[in-house]
Amino acid sequence: MDFNGPEPLARISRRRLIGVASGLTAFAGADFAAGNALAATKKVAQTAAGYQPMPKGAAQCDKCRLWQPPAACQLVAGAISPSGWCNLYAPK
């Protein structure tokens, strides 16, 4: 993969992003068990996660296990709408 372009994250495939997110989730779980609660985990940009401020059908952020009230996500950076959605959605 060539990372010399202006937006290398735009070229990451959805499959690769989901794989990375799964790895981050497993790492975060181990980190939480150790008492560090995601301290070493970096969040993914909203564009890389395919975030949108509206739901996708019945799927929305506040129904996701990664949701952190009132407006955050464990894996996606920035302010997150409770009725938003992204490609990392994992139902509760």
C-alpha atoms as a PDB file:
ATOM      1  CA  MET A   1       0.000   0.000   0.000  1.00  0.00           C
ATOM      2  CA  ASP A   2       1.370   3.415  -0.981  1.00  0.00           C
ATOM      3  CA  PHE A   3       1.132   5.995   1.819  1.00  0.00           C
ATOM      4  CA  ASN A   4       2.663   8.884  -0.121  1.00  0.00           C
ATOM      5  CA  GLY A   5      -0.685  10.415  -1.084  1.00  0.00           C
ATOM      6  CA  PRO A   6      -2.441  13.247   0.756  1.00  0.00           C
ATOM      7  CA  GLU A   7      -5.085  11.033   2.430  1.00  0.00           C
ATOM      8  CA  PRO A   8      -3.765   7.520   3.041  1.00  0.00           C
ATOM      9  CA  LEU A   9      -6.667   6.603   5.363  1.00  0.00           C
ATOM     10  CA  ALA A  10      -9.087   7.087   2.474  1.00  0.00           C
ATOM     11  CA  ARG A  11      -7.411   4.118   0.753  1.00  0.00           C
ATOM     12  CA  ILE A  12      -7.834   1.659   3.633  1.00  0.00           C
ATOM     13  CA  SER A  13     -10.297  -1.061   2.682  1.00  0.00           C
ATOM     14  CA  ARG A  14     -13.360  -1.677   4.816  1.00  0.00           C
ATOM     15  CA  ARG A  15     -12.159  -5.232   5.534  1.00  0.00           C
ATOM     16  CA  ARG A  16      -8.791  -3.909   6.774  1.00  0.00           C
ATOM     17  CA  LEU A  17     -10.483  -1.255   8.923  1.00  0.00           C
ATOM     18  CA  ILE A  18     -12.762  -3.865  10.520  1.00  0.00           C
ATOM     19  CA  GLY A  19      -9.737  -6.091  11.182  1.00  0.00           C
ATOM     20  CA  VAL A  20      -7.880  -3.234  12.832  1.00  0.00           C
ATOM     21  CA  ALA A  21     -10.958  -2.307  14.854  1.00  0.00           C
ATOM     22  CA  SER A  22     -11.332  -5.920  16.018  1.00  0.00           C
ATOM     23  CA  GLY A  23      -7.720  -5.933  17.112  1.00  0.00           C
ATOM     24  CA  LEU A  24      -8.174  -2.618  18.914  1.00  0.00           C
ATOM     25  CA  THR A  25     -11.294  -3.933  20.624  1.00  0.00           C
ATOM     26  CA  ALA A  26      -9.459  -7.066  21.813  1.00  0.00           C
ATOM     27  CA  PHE A  27      -6.532  -4.940  22.968  1.00  0.00           C
ATOM     28  CA  ALA A  28      -8.880  -2.527  24.718  1.00  0.00           C
ATOM     29  CA  GLY A  29     -10.555  -5.414  26.535  1.00  0.00           C
ATOM     30  CA  ALA A  30      -7.198  -6.711  27.760  1.00  0.00           C
ATOM     31  CA  ASP A  31      -6.163  -3.178  28.705  1.00  0.00           C
ATOM     32  CA  PHE A  32      -9.399  -2.638  30.622  1.00  0.00           C
ATOM     33  CA  ALA A  33      -8.863  -5.888  32.515  1.00  0.00           C
ATOM     34  CA  ALA A  34      -5.432  -4.601  33.501  1.00  0.00           C
ATOM     35  CA  GLY A  35      -7.043  -1.404  34.861  1.00  0.00           C
ATOM     36  CA  ASN A  36      -5.874   0.987  32.142  1.00  0.00           C
ATOM     37  CA  ALA A  37      -9.268   1.354  30.413  1.00  0.00           C
ATOM     38  CA  LEU A  38      -8.302   2.193  26.830  1.00  0.00           C
ATOM     39  CA  ALA A  39      -5.467   4.511  27.878  1.00  0.00           C
ATOM     40  CA  ALA A  40      -3.110   3.292  25.144  1.00  0.00           C
ATOM     41  CA  THR A  41      -5.720   2.937  22.369  1.00  0.00           C
ATOM     42  CA  LYS A  42      -5.909   5.577  19.659  1.00  0.00           C
ATOM     43  CA  LYS A  43      -9.259   6.375  18.121  1.00  0.00           C
ATOM     44  CA  VAL A  44     -10.111   6.150  14.425  1.00  0.00           C
ATOM     45  CA  ALA A  45     -11.105   9.294  12.517  1.00  0.00           C
ATOM     46  CA  GLN A  46     -14.819   9.638  11.750  1.00  0.00           C
ATOM     47  CA  THR A  47     -14.157   9.573   7.997  1.00  0.00           C
ATOM     48  CA  ALA A  48     -12.104   6.361   8.253  1.00  0.00           C
ATOM     49  CA  ALA A  49     -14.929   4.697  10.209  1.00  0.00           C
ATOM     50  CA  GLY A  50     -17.546   5.855   7.701  1.00  0.00           C
ATOM     51  CA  TYR A  51     -19.373   7.778  10.450  1.00  0.00           C
ATOM     52  CA  GLN A  52     -22.626   9.516   9.575  1.00  0.00           C
ATOM     53  CA  PRO A  53     -24.746  11.597  12.007  1.00  0.00           C
ATOM     54  CA  MET A  54     -27.916   9.685  11.083  1.00  0.00           C
ATOM     55  CA  PRO A  55     -28.893   6.051  11.754  1.00  0.00           C
ATOM     56  CA  LYS A  56     -28.725   3.211   9.243  1.00  0.00           C
ATOM     57  CA  GLY A  57     -32.145   1.667   9.602  1.00  0.00           C
ATOM     58  CA  ALA A  58     -32.593   0.572  13.223  1.00  0.00           C
ATOM     59  CA  ALA A  59     -28.810   0.608  13.824  1.00  0.00           C
ATOM     60  CA  GLN A  60     -27.553   3.700  15.627  1.00  0.00           C
ATOM     61  CA  CYS A  61     -24.734   4.640  17.991  1.00  0.00           C
ATOM     62  CA  ASP A  62     -26.679   4.564  21.251  1.00  0.00           C
ATOM     63  CA  LYS A  63     -27.581   0.929  20.501  1.00  0.00           C
ATOM     64  CA  CYS A  64     -23.910   0.009  19.918  1.00  0.00           C
ATOM     65  CA  ARG A  65     -21.724  -1.661  22.559  1.00  0.00           C
ATOM     66  CA  LEU A  66     -18.976   0.900  21.810  1.00  0.00           C
ATOM     67  CA  TRP A  67     -21.231   3.855  22.702  1.00  0.00           C
ATOM     68  CA  GLN A  68     -20.149   6.138  25.557  1.00  0.00           C
ATOM     69  CA  PRO A  69     -22.856   8.573  26.694  1.00  0.00           C
ATOM     70  CA  PRO A  70     -23.488  11.397  26.234  1.00  0.00           C
ATOM     71  CA  ALA A  71     -21.681  11.825  22.871  1.00  0.00           C
ATOM     72  CA  ALA A  72     -18.624   9.572  22.433  1.00  0.00           C
ATOM     73  CA  CYS A  73     -17.424   6.231  21.094  1.00  0.00           C
ATOM     74  CA  GLN A  74     -14.687   3.901  22.334  1.00  0.00           C
ATOM     75  CA  LEU A  75     -13.140   3.647  18.855  1.00  0.00           C
ATOM     76  CA  VAL A  76     -14.237   6.709  16.850  1.00  0.00           C
ATOM     77  CA  ALA A  77     -12.775  10.162  17.589  1.00  0.00           C
ATOM     78  CA  GLY A  78     -14.770  13.347  18.050  1.00  0.00           C
ATOM     79  CA  ALA A  79     -18.322  14.151  19.051  1.00  0.00           C
ATOM     80  CA  ILE A  80     -20.720  11.325  18.177  1.00  0.00           C
ATOM     81  CA  SER A  81     -24.476  11.699  17.781  1.00  0.00           C
ATOM     82  CA  PRO A  82     -26.558   9.117  19.692  1.00  0.00           C
ATOM     83  CA  SER A  83     -28.550   8.620  16.494  1.00  0.00           C
ATOM     84  CA  GLY A  84     -25.426   8.348  14.287  1.00  0.00           C
ATOM     85  CA  TRP A  85     -23.929   5.207  12.738  1.00  0.00           C
ATOM     86  CA  CYS A  86     -20.567   3.939  11.386  1.00  0.00           C
ATOM     87  CA  ASN A  87     -18.986   0.838   9.855  1.00  0.00           C
ATOM     88  CA  LEU A  88     -17.750  -0.263  13.291  1.00  0.00           C
ATOM     89  CA  TYR A  89     -21.298  -0.609  14.644  1.00  0.00           C
ATOM     90  CA  ALA A  90     -21.616  -3.582  17.039  1.00  0.00           C
ATOM     91  CA  PRO A  91     -25.108  -4.129  18.454  1.00  0.00           C
ATOM     92  CA  LYS A  92     -25.498  -4.513  22.232  1.00  0.00           C
END
